[in-house]
């Protein structure tokens, strides 16, 4: 029984294949033959690229979520800092060694 070796393709290679597929200057099978890949794999890469492209042009909800998350993290760091300061102050007043 013949074993197939799983190849890993770089992102640059995948981009080149998807761009060729989107340009439609040649048939999908010809492009797949040119790059020695299976048509199903090329179709998956194309679908993934189009999905990511669509999401990048959609509302700025992802950007807003990241900004909200950053604000939350900053607030939590501020609270931790205040609590640490209060704890150190209380330890000092009570004479507890740090």
N, C-alpha and C. Protein backbone atom coordinates (compact mmCIF):
# COMPACT_ATOMS: atom_id res chain seq x y z
N UNK A 1 0.84 -1.17 0.00
CA UNK A 1 0.00 0.00 0.00
C UNK A 1 0.88 1.24 0.00
N UNK A 2 0.57 2.18 -0.83
CA UNK A 2 1.40 3.38 -0.98
C UNK A 2 0.98 4.43 0.04
N UNK A 3 1.97 4.98 0.74
CA UNK A 3 1.68 6.03 1.70
C UNK A 3 1.92 7.38 1.06
N UNK A 4 1.04 8.30 1.39
CA UNK A 4 1.23 9.67 0.90
C UNK A 4 1.89 10.49 1.99
N UNK A 5 2.73 11.39 1.58
CA UNK A 5 3.43 12.26 2.52
C UNK A 5 2.66 13.57 2.58
N UNK A 6 2.32 13.97 3.78
CA UNK A 6 1.58 15.21 3.97
C UNK A 6 2.54 16.38 3.83
N UNK A 7 2.25 17.24 2.86
CA UNK A 7 3.10 18.41 2.64
C UNK A 7 2.54 19.62 3.38
N UNK A 8 3.42 20.45 3.84
CA UNK A 8 3.02 21.71 4.48
C UNK A 8 3.36 22.82 3.51
N UNK A 9 2.37 23.67 3.26
CA UNK A 9 2.56 24.78 2.33
C UNK A 9 2.64 26.09 3.10
N UNK A 10 3.50 26.95 2.65
CA UNK A 10 3.67 28.25 3.31
C UNK A 10 2.46 29.13 3.00
N UNK A 11 2.22 30.13 3.85
CA UNK A 11 1.13 31.06 3.58
C UNK A 11 1.31 31.78 2.24
N UNK A 12 2.55 32.07 1.87
CA UNK A 12 2.82 32.75 0.60
C UNK A 12 2.37 31.87 -0.58
N UNK A 13 2.64 30.58 -0.48
CA UNK A 13 2.25 29.64 -1.52
C UNK A 13 0.73 29.60 -1.64
N UNK A 14 0.05 29.52 -0.49
CA UNK A 14 -1.41 29.47 -0.50
C UNK A 14 -2.00 30.75 -1.09
N UNK A 15 -1.42 31.87 -0.76
CA UNK A 15 -1.89 33.15 -1.31
C UNK A 15 -1.74 33.17 -2.81
N UNK A 16 -0.60 32.69 -3.30
CA UNK A 16 -0.35 32.66 -4.74
C UNK A 16 -1.39 31.80 -5.46
N UNK A 17 -1.70 30.63 -4.87
CA UNK A 17 -2.69 29.73 -5.46
C UNK A 17 -4.06 30.39 -5.47
N UNK A 18 -4.46 30.97 -4.34
CA UNK A 18 -5.78 31.60 -4.24
C UNK A 18 -5.90 32.77 -5.20
N UNK A 19 -4.86 33.56 -5.32
CA UNK A 19 -4.90 34.69 -6.26
C UNK A 19 -5.07 34.20 -7.69
N UNK A 20 -4.36 33.13 -8.03
CA UNK A 20 -4.52 32.57 -9.37
C UNK A 20 -5.94 32.06 -9.59
N UNK A 21 -6.51 31.46 -8.57
CA UNK A 21 -7.89 30.96 -8.68
C UNK A 21 -8.87 32.12 -8.82
N UNK A 22 -8.64 33.19 -8.09
CA UNK A 22 -9.54 34.34 -8.15
C UNK A 22 -9.43 35.10 -9.47
N UNK A 23 -8.24 35.13 -10.04
CA UNK A 23 -8.04 35.82 -11.32
C UNK A 23 -8.78 35.12 -12.46
N UNK A 24 -8.96 33.82 -12.33
CA UNK A 24 -9.67 33.00 -13.31
C UNK A 24 -9.08 33.14 -14.73
N UNK A 25 -7.76 33.28 -14.81
CA UNK A 25 -7.11 33.33 -16.12
C UNK A 25 -6.96 31.92 -16.70
N UNK A 26 -7.11 30.92 -15.84
CA UNK A 26 -7.00 29.53 -16.26
C UNK A 26 -8.03 28.72 -15.49
N UNK A 27 -8.25 27.49 -15.87
CA UNK A 27 -9.20 26.65 -15.15
C UNK A 27 -8.61 26.24 -13.81
N UNK A 28 -9.50 25.89 -12.90
CA UNK A 28 -9.06 25.47 -11.56
C UNK A 28 -8.17 24.24 -11.65
N UNK A 29 -8.54 23.27 -12.53
CA UNK A 29 -7.70 22.08 -12.63
C UNK A 29 -6.32 22.40 -13.18
N UNK A 30 -6.24 23.34 -14.11
CA UNK A 30 -4.94 23.72 -14.66
C UNK A 30 -4.07 24.38 -13.59
N UNK A 31 -4.70 25.21 -12.79
CA UNK A 31 -3.95 25.88 -11.71
C UNK A 31 -3.48 24.85 -10.69
N UNK A 32 -4.34 23.90 -10.36
CA UNK A 32 -3.96 22.86 -9.40
C UNK A 32 -2.83 21.99 -9.95
N UNK A 33 -2.88 21.70 -11.23
CA UNK A 33 -1.79 20.93 -11.85
C UNK A 33 -0.50 21.72 -11.83
N UNK A 34 -0.60 23.01 -12.10
CA UNK A 34 0.58 23.88 -12.12
C UNK A 34 1.28 23.87 -10.76
N UNK A 35 0.50 23.90 -9.68
CA UNK A 35 1.08 23.94 -8.33
C UNK A 35 1.17 22.56 -7.68
N UNK A 36 0.75 21.53 -8.37
CA UNK A 36 0.79 20.14 -7.86
C UNK A 36 0.02 19.99 -6.56
N UNK A 37 -1.19 20.49 -6.55
CA UNK A 37 -2.05 20.33 -5.38
C UNK A 37 -3.38 19.74 -5.81
N UNK A 38 -4.11 19.23 -4.86
CA UNK A 38 -5.41 18.63 -5.14
C UNK A 38 -6.46 19.75 -5.25
N UNK A 39 -7.39 19.63 -6.20
CA UNK A 39 -8.43 20.67 -6.36
C UNK A 39 -9.26 20.92 -5.11
N UNK A 40 -9.50 19.88 -4.32
CA UNK A 40 -10.26 20.06 -3.08
C UNK A 40 -9.51 20.97 -2.12
N UNK A 41 -8.20 20.78 -2.04
CA UNK A 41 -7.38 21.62 -1.16
C UNK A 41 -7.41 23.07 -1.63
N UNK A 42 -7.30 23.25 -2.93
CA UNK A 42 -7.33 24.62 -3.48
C UNK A 42 -8.67 25.28 -3.20
N UNK A 43 -9.75 24.51 -3.32
CA UNK A 43 -11.08 25.05 -3.06
C UNK A 43 -11.22 25.47 -1.60
N UNK A 44 -10.67 24.65 -0.70
CA UNK A 44 -10.73 24.98 0.74
C UNK A 44 -9.96 26.26 1.03
N UNK A 45 -8.78 26.40 0.43
CA UNK A 45 -7.99 27.61 0.64
C UNK A 45 -8.73 28.84 0.12
N UNK A 46 -9.37 28.69 -1.03
CA UNK A 46 -10.10 29.81 -1.63
C UNK A 46 -11.27 30.20 -0.74
N UNK A 47 -12.03 29.22 -0.25
CA UNK A 47 -13.16 29.50 0.64
C UNK A 47 -12.70 30.18 1.92
N UNK A 48 -11.59 29.70 2.47
CA UNK A 48 -11.06 30.29 3.70
C UNK A 48 -10.63 31.73 3.46
N UNK A 49 -9.98 31.98 2.33
CA UNK A 49 -9.53 33.32 2.01
C UNK A 49 -10.72 34.26 1.83
N UNK A 50 -11.74 33.81 1.14
CA UNK A 50 -12.91 34.65 0.91
C UNK A 50 -13.65 34.92 2.22
N UNK A 51 -13.73 33.93 3.09
CA UNK A 51 -14.38 34.12 4.39
C UNK A 51 -13.62 35.15 5.22
N UNK A 52 -12.30 35.02 5.26
CA UNK A 52 -11.49 35.97 6.02
C UNK A 52 -11.56 37.36 5.42
N UNK A 53 -11.62 37.43 4.11
CA UNK A 53 -11.72 38.72 3.44
C UNK A 53 -13.05 39.38 3.77
N UNK A 54 -14.12 38.59 3.76
CA UNK A 54 -15.44 39.12 4.08
C UNK A 54 -15.47 39.65 5.51
N UNK A 55 -14.87 38.91 6.43
CA UNK A 55 -14.86 39.32 7.83
C UNK A 55 -14.04 40.59 8.03
N UNK A 56 -13.00 40.76 7.24
CA UNK A 56 -12.17 41.95 7.41
C UNK A 56 -12.89 43.21 6.94
N UNK A 57 -13.86 43.06 6.05
CA UNK A 57 -14.62 44.21 5.58
C UNK A 57 -15.94 44.39 6.32
N UNK A 58 -16.26 43.46 7.19
CA UNK A 58 -17.51 43.58 7.94
C UNK A 58 -17.34 44.66 9.00
N UNK A 59 -18.33 44.80 9.85
CA UNK A 59 -18.31 45.86 10.86
C UNK A 59 -17.05 45.77 11.70
N UNK A 60 -16.78 46.83 12.37
CA UNK A 60 -15.59 46.90 13.20
C UNK A 60 -15.80 46.25 14.56
N UNK A 61 -16.70 45.26 14.60
CA UNK A 61 -17.00 44.61 15.87
C UNK A 61 -15.78 43.90 16.44
N UNK A 62 -14.98 43.31 15.60
CA UNK A 62 -13.78 42.63 16.09
C UNK A 62 -12.81 43.63 16.70
N UNK A 63 -12.67 44.79 16.04
CA UNK A 63 -11.78 45.83 16.57
C UNK A 63 -12.34 46.35 17.89
N UNK A 64 -13.66 46.55 17.95
CA UNK A 64 -14.28 47.04 19.18
C UNK A 64 -14.11 46.03 20.31
N UNK A 65 -14.23 44.74 19.99
CA UNK A 65 -14.05 43.71 21.01
C UNK A 65 -12.63 43.72 21.55
N UNK A 66 -11.65 43.87 20.65
CA UNK A 66 -10.25 43.92 21.10
C UNK A 66 -10.00 45.13 21.98
N UNK A 67 -10.56 46.27 21.59
CA UNK A 67 -10.37 47.49 22.37
C UNK A 67 -11.02 47.35 23.74
N UNK A 68 -12.23 46.75 23.78
CA UNK A 68 -12.92 46.52 25.05
C UNK A 68 -12.11 45.58 25.93
N UNK A 69 -11.55 44.55 25.33
CA UNK A 69 -10.74 43.60 26.08
C UNK A 69 -9.49 44.28 26.65
N UNK A 70 -8.85 45.12 25.84
CA UNK A 70 -7.67 45.85 26.31
C UNK A 70 -8.03 46.77 27.48
N UNK A 71 -9.19 47.44 27.37
CA UNK A 71 -9.63 48.32 28.46
C UNK A 71 -9.88 47.52 29.74
N UNK A 72 -10.51 46.36 29.60
CA UNK A 72 -10.77 45.51 30.76
C UNK A 72 -9.47 45.08 31.42
N UNK A 73 -8.51 44.66 30.61
CA UNK A 73 -7.21 44.24 31.14
C UNK A 73 -6.53 45.39 31.86
N UNK A 74 -6.58 46.57 31.27
CA UNK A 74 -5.95 47.74 31.89
C UNK A 74 -6.62 48.05 33.23
N UNK A 75 -7.96 47.98 33.28
CA UNK A 75 -8.67 48.22 34.53
C UNK A 75 -8.31 47.19 35.60
N UNK A 76 -8.18 45.94 35.19
CA UNK A 76 -7.81 44.89 36.14
C UNK A 76 -6.40 45.10 36.69
N UNK A 77 -5.47 45.50 35.82
CA UNK A 77 -4.11 45.78 36.29
C UNK A 77 -4.12 46.95 37.28
N UNK A 78 -4.96 47.94 37.01
CA UNK A 78 -5.06 49.08 37.91
C UNK A 78 -5.59 48.65 39.27
N UNK A 79 -6.62 47.81 39.26
CA UNK A 79 -7.19 47.31 40.52
C UNK A 79 -6.18 46.47 41.29
N UNK A 80 -5.46 45.62 40.59
CA UNK A 80 -4.45 44.78 41.25
C UNK A 80 -3.37 45.67 41.87
N UNK A 81 -2.98 46.70 41.15
CA UNK A 81 -1.97 47.62 41.68
C UNK A 81 -2.44 48.30 42.95
N UNK A 82 -3.69 48.77 42.95
CA UNK A 82 -4.24 49.43 44.14
C UNK A 82 -4.31 48.46 45.31
N UNK A 83 -4.78 47.25 45.05
CA UNK A 83 -4.89 46.26 46.11
C UNK A 83 -3.53 45.89 46.67
N UNK A 84 -2.53 45.78 45.81
CA UNK A 84 -1.18 45.46 46.26
C UNK A 84 -0.64 46.59 47.14
N UNK A 85 -0.90 47.83 46.74
CA UNK A 85 -0.47 48.99 47.52
C UNK A 85 -1.14 48.99 48.89
N UNK A 86 -2.46 48.71 48.92
CA UNK A 86 -3.18 48.68 50.19
C UNK A 86 -2.67 47.56 51.09
N UNK A 87 -2.40 46.41 50.49
CA UNK A 87 -1.89 45.29 51.27
C UNK A 87 -0.53 45.62 51.87
N UNK A 88 0.34 46.19 51.07
CA UNK A 88 1.66 46.57 51.57
C UNK A 88 1.54 47.59 52.70
N UNK A 89 0.63 48.55 52.57
CA UNK A 89 0.43 49.58 53.58
C UNK A 89 -0.06 48.96 54.88
N UNK A 90 -1.04 48.03 54.75
CA UNK A 90 -1.57 47.37 55.95
C UNK A 90 -0.50 46.53 56.63
N UNK A 91 0.31 45.82 55.86
CA UNK A 91 1.38 45.01 56.44
C UNK A 91 2.36 45.89 57.19
N UNK A 92 2.65 47.05 56.61
CA UNK A 92 3.60 47.98 57.24
C UNK A 92 3.02 48.50 58.55
N UNK A 93 1.74 48.87 58.56
CA UNK A 93 1.12 49.41 59.76
C UNK A 93 0.98 48.36 60.86
N UNK A 94 0.77 47.11 60.46
CA UNK A 94 0.60 46.05 61.45
C UNK A 94 1.93 45.43 61.84
N UNK A 95 3.01 45.83 61.19
CA UNK A 95 4.31 45.32 61.53
C UNK A 95 4.58 43.92 61.05
N UNK A 96 3.87 43.51 59.99
CA UNK A 96 4.07 42.18 59.43
C UNK A 96 5.18 42.26 58.41
N UNK A 97 6.12 41.29 58.47
CA UNK A 97 7.23 41.29 57.52
C UNK A 97 6.71 40.85 56.15
N UNK A 98 7.20 41.50 55.12
CA UNK A 98 6.80 41.19 53.76
C UNK A 98 7.53 40.02 53.21
